[in-house]
Amino acid sequence: MAERSTIARPYAEAAFRIADSSGKLSEWATMLAALAEVAANERVKAVIADPNMLAPKVAGVFISVLAGKLTGEAENLVRVLAENNRLELLPEIRVQFEALKDEREGVVEAQIISAFELDAAQRSELTKLLEKHTGRRVRTRVDLDKELIGGVRVVIGDKVIDASVRAQLSALESALKA
């Protein structure tokens, strides 16, 4: 069977094209986040998995749970996903949609791994440095790793900037062994 990401891609791309052409990327991002949250609910997962539930009924559950929060196009997406037994892919569709949206808006995600909690000023300064380095807007996520001893490690896509004390000690150890 094909990977979930492969199956979800055409749906995410279609939703992105609709949202982009109508200038409603943020609105669609919000709707897909809500749909993904509903799809992740254990009771809803049971409804999706029930072989006795017909697709229109399953789609109706989603649409009624989010009554007034979905556009007509989003409701149609739910119906198509239900008809194709793909509602469980909504979280992956959302992830891929967000990636397309970020690409369009010139935003890159950066994971900052720090030995210590960063305050707002430190986080802001690091974000500015990363934006200058990448030439793009940067959205940061900070994770803690006490094993770094000090400093930070930044991961942006497949690039790693390791300014941690642990990395510096490893480099020093390698230099001393040579």
Protein backbone atom coordinates (compact mmCIF):
# COMPACT_ATOMS: atom_id res chain seq x y z
CA MET A 1 0.00 0.00 0.00
CA ALA A 2 1.18 3.52 -0.76
CA GLU A 3 2.42 5.72 2.05
CA ARG A 4 -0.04 8.03 3.77
CA SER A 5 1.90 11.08 2.63
CA THR A 6 1.73 9.96 -1.00
CA ILE A 7 -2.03 9.39 -0.81
CA ALA A 8 -2.62 12.69 1.02
CA ARG A 9 -0.55 14.82 -1.37
CA PRO A 10 -3.12 15.28 -4.19
CA TYR A 11 -5.79 16.31 -1.66
CA ALA A 12 -3.44 18.79 0.01
CA GLU A 13 -2.41 20.22 -3.34
CA ALA A 14 -6.03 20.57 -4.47
CA ALA A 15 -6.99 22.32 -1.22
CA PHE A 16 -3.96 24.58 -1.60
CA ARG A 17 -4.87 25.52 -5.19
CA ILE A 18 -8.42 26.39 -4.14
CA ALA A 19 -7.23 28.41 -1.13
CA ASP A 20 -4.46 30.17 -3.04
CA SER A 21 -6.63 31.11 -6.01
CA SER A 22 -9.25 32.62 -3.71
CA GLY A 23 -6.70 34.35 -1.46
CA LYS A 24 -7.86 32.39 1.58
CA LEU A 25 -4.76 30.45 2.67
CA SER A 26 -5.17 31.36 6.35
CA GLU A 27 -8.87 30.51 6.36
CA TRP A 28 -8.16 27.12 4.79
CA ALA A 29 -5.32 26.48 7.22
CA THR A 30 -7.75 27.07 10.09
CA MET A 31 -10.41 24.81 8.56
CA LEU A 32 -7.93 22.01 7.89
CA ALA A 33 -6.60 22.28 11.44
CA ALA A 34 -10.14 21.87 12.78
CA LEU A 35 -10.83 18.96 10.42
CA ALA A 36 -7.58 17.25 11.42
CA GLU A 37 -8.47 17.65 15.08
CA VAL A 38 -11.88 16.06 14.51
CA ALA A 39 -10.28 13.22 12.51
CA ALA A 40 -7.86 12.54 15.39
CA ASN A 41 -10.69 12.15 17.93
CA GLU A 42 -11.03 8.53 19.07
CA ARG A 43 -14.83 8.46 18.80
CA VAL A 44 -14.70 9.92 15.31
CA LYS A 45 -12.04 7.38 14.33
CA ALA A 46 -14.48 4.65 15.38
CA VAL A 47 -17.19 6.17 13.15
CA ILE A 48 -14.76 6.37 10.21
CA ALA A 49 -13.72 2.74 10.70
CA ASP A 50 -17.30 1.42 11.03
CA PRO A 51 -18.01 -0.52 7.83
CA ASN A 52 -21.77 -0.05 8.35
CA MET A 53 -21.52 3.74 8.07
CA LEU A 54 -22.11 5.04 4.57
CA ALA A 55 -19.83 7.77 3.23
CA PRO A 56 -22.53 10.50 3.19
CA LYS A 57 -23.31 9.77 6.85
CA VAL A 58 -19.63 9.89 7.86
CA ALA A 59 -19.17 13.17 5.96
CA GLY A 60 -22.28 14.48 7.69
CA VAL A 61 -20.72 13.77 11.07
CA PHE A 62 -17.68 15.90 10.21
CA ILE A 63 -19.74 18.69 8.72
CA SER A 64 -22.15 18.78 11.68
CA VAL A 65 -19.33 18.77 14.26
CA LEU A 66 -17.84 21.82 12.51
CA ALA A 67 -21.15 23.47 11.63
CA GLY A 68 -20.63 27.05 10.51
CA LYS A 69 -16.82 26.71 10.45
CA LEU A 70 -16.44 25.24 6.96
CA THR A 71 -16.91 26.83 3.57
CA GLY A 72 -18.81 25.01 0.83
CA GLU A 73 -15.52 23.98 -0.78
CA ALA A 74 -14.25 22.53 2.52
CA GLU A 75 -17.50 20.60 2.95
CA ASN A 76 -17.02 19.24 -0.58
CA LEU A 77 -13.49 18.14 0.35
CA VAL A 78 -14.92 16.26 3.34
CA ARG A 79 -17.46 14.55 1.09
CA VAL A 80 -14.79 13.52 -1.43
CA LEU A 81 -12.53 12.20 1.34
CA ALA A 82 -15.43 10.24 2.85
CA GLU A 83 -16.40 8.81 -0.52
CA ASN A 84 -12.82 7.62 -1.05
CA ASN A 85 -12.38 6.36 2.53
CA ARG A 86 -9.64 8.92 3.15
CA LEU A 87 -10.91 10.98 6.10
CA GLU A 88 -8.21 9.51 8.35
CA LEU A 89 -5.67 11.34 6.15
CA LEU A 90 -6.83 14.78 7.27
CA PRO A 91 -3.94 15.30 9.71
CA GLU A 92 -1.42 14.49 6.95
CA ILE A 93 -3.33 16.65 4.44
CA ARG A 94 -3.09 19.51 6.92
CA VAL A 95 0.69 19.03 7.36
CA GLN A 96 1.25 19.06 3.60
CA PHE A 97 -1.05 22.05 3.11
CA GLU A 98 0.90 23.97 5.77
CA ALA A 99 4.18 23.14 4.02
CA LEU A 100 2.80 24.46 0.71
CA LYS A 101 1.47 27.57 2.47
CA ASP A 102 4.83 28.19 4.15
CA GLU A 103 6.61 27.82 0.81
CA ARG A 104 4.24 30.33 -0.83
CA GLU A 105 4.67 32.80 2.04
CA GLY A 106 8.46 32.40 2.24
CA VAL A 107 8.42 30.94 5.74
CA VAL A 108 10.86 28.31 6.95
CA GLU A 109 10.55 26.24 10.12
CA ALA A 110 13.54 26.17 12.47
CA GLN A 111 13.94 23.81 15.39
CA ILE A 112 16.13 25.33 18.08
CA ILE A 113 17.50 22.83 20.55
CA SER A 114 18.84 24.51 23.65
CA ALA A 115 20.40 23.32 26.88
CA PHE A 116 18.36 25.93 28.78
CA GLU A 117 15.01 27.67 28.42
CA LEU A 118 15.27 30.73 26.16
CA ASP A 119 13.55 33.93 27.22
CA ALA A 120 11.58 36.04 24.74
CA ALA A 121 14.50 38.39 24.01
CA GLN A 122 16.92 35.52 23.31
CA ARG A 123 14.40 33.78 21.09
CA SER A 124 13.69 37.01 19.20
CA GLU A 125 17.40 37.73 18.68
CA LEU A 126 18.05 34.18 17.47
CA THR A 127 15.06 34.40 15.10
CA LYS A 128 16.42 37.65 13.63
CA LEU A 129 19.84 36.06 13.10
CA LEU A 130 18.27 33.04 11.40
CA GLU A 131 16.15 35.27 9.16
CA LYS A 132 19.26 37.19 8.14
CA HIS A 133 21.10 33.91 7.51
CA THR A 134 18.29 32.30 5.45
CA GLY A 135 16.86 35.40 3.78
CA ARG A 136 13.38 34.16 4.70
CA ARG A 137 10.90 34.56 7.55
CA VAL A 138 11.60 31.99 10.23
CA ARG A 139 9.09 30.29 12.53
CA THR A 140 10.91 28.80 15.49
CA ARG A 141 10.19 25.90 17.80
CA VAL A 142 12.36 25.51 20.90
CA ASP A 143 13.12 22.12 22.43
CA LEU A 144 15.29 21.48 25.47
CA ASP A 145 18.19 19.00 25.59
CA LYS A 146 20.26 19.15 28.79
CA GLU A 147 22.95 16.99 27.17
CA LEU A 148 24.05 19.97 25.04
CA ILE A 149 25.58 21.44 28.23
CA GLY A 150 25.24 24.95 26.81
CA GLY A 151 24.63 26.79 23.54
CA VAL A 152 22.14 25.78 20.86
CA ARG A 153 21.74 23.52 17.86
CA VAL A 154 19.50 24.79 15.06
CA VAL A 155 17.88 22.55 12.45
CA ILE A 156 16.38 24.16 9.34
CA GLY A 157 15.28 21.56 6.83
CA ASP A 158 18.36 19.45 6.19
CA LYS A 159 20.81 22.05 7.52
CA VAL A 160 22.20 21.88 11.05
CA ILE A 161 24.00 24.71 12.81
CA ASP A 162 25.60 23.25 15.92
CA ALA A 163 26.82 25.91 18.34
CA SER A 164 26.48 23.71 21.40
CA VAL A 165 29.15 23.21 24.03
CA ARG A 166 28.91 19.46 23.47
CA ALA A 167 29.80 19.90 19.77
CA GLN A 168 32.70 22.19 20.64
CA LEU A 169 34.01 19.66 23.17
CA SER A 170 33.73 16.88 20.58
CA ALA A 171 35.66 18.98 18.05
CA LEU A 172 38.33 19.70 20.67
CA GLU A 173 38.59 16.01 21.53
CA SER A 174 39.02 15.11 17.85
CA ALA A 175 41.69 17.78 17.43
CA LEU A 176 43.62 16.52 20.48
CA LYS A 177 43.54 12.93 19.19
CA ALA A 178 44.97 13.94 15.81
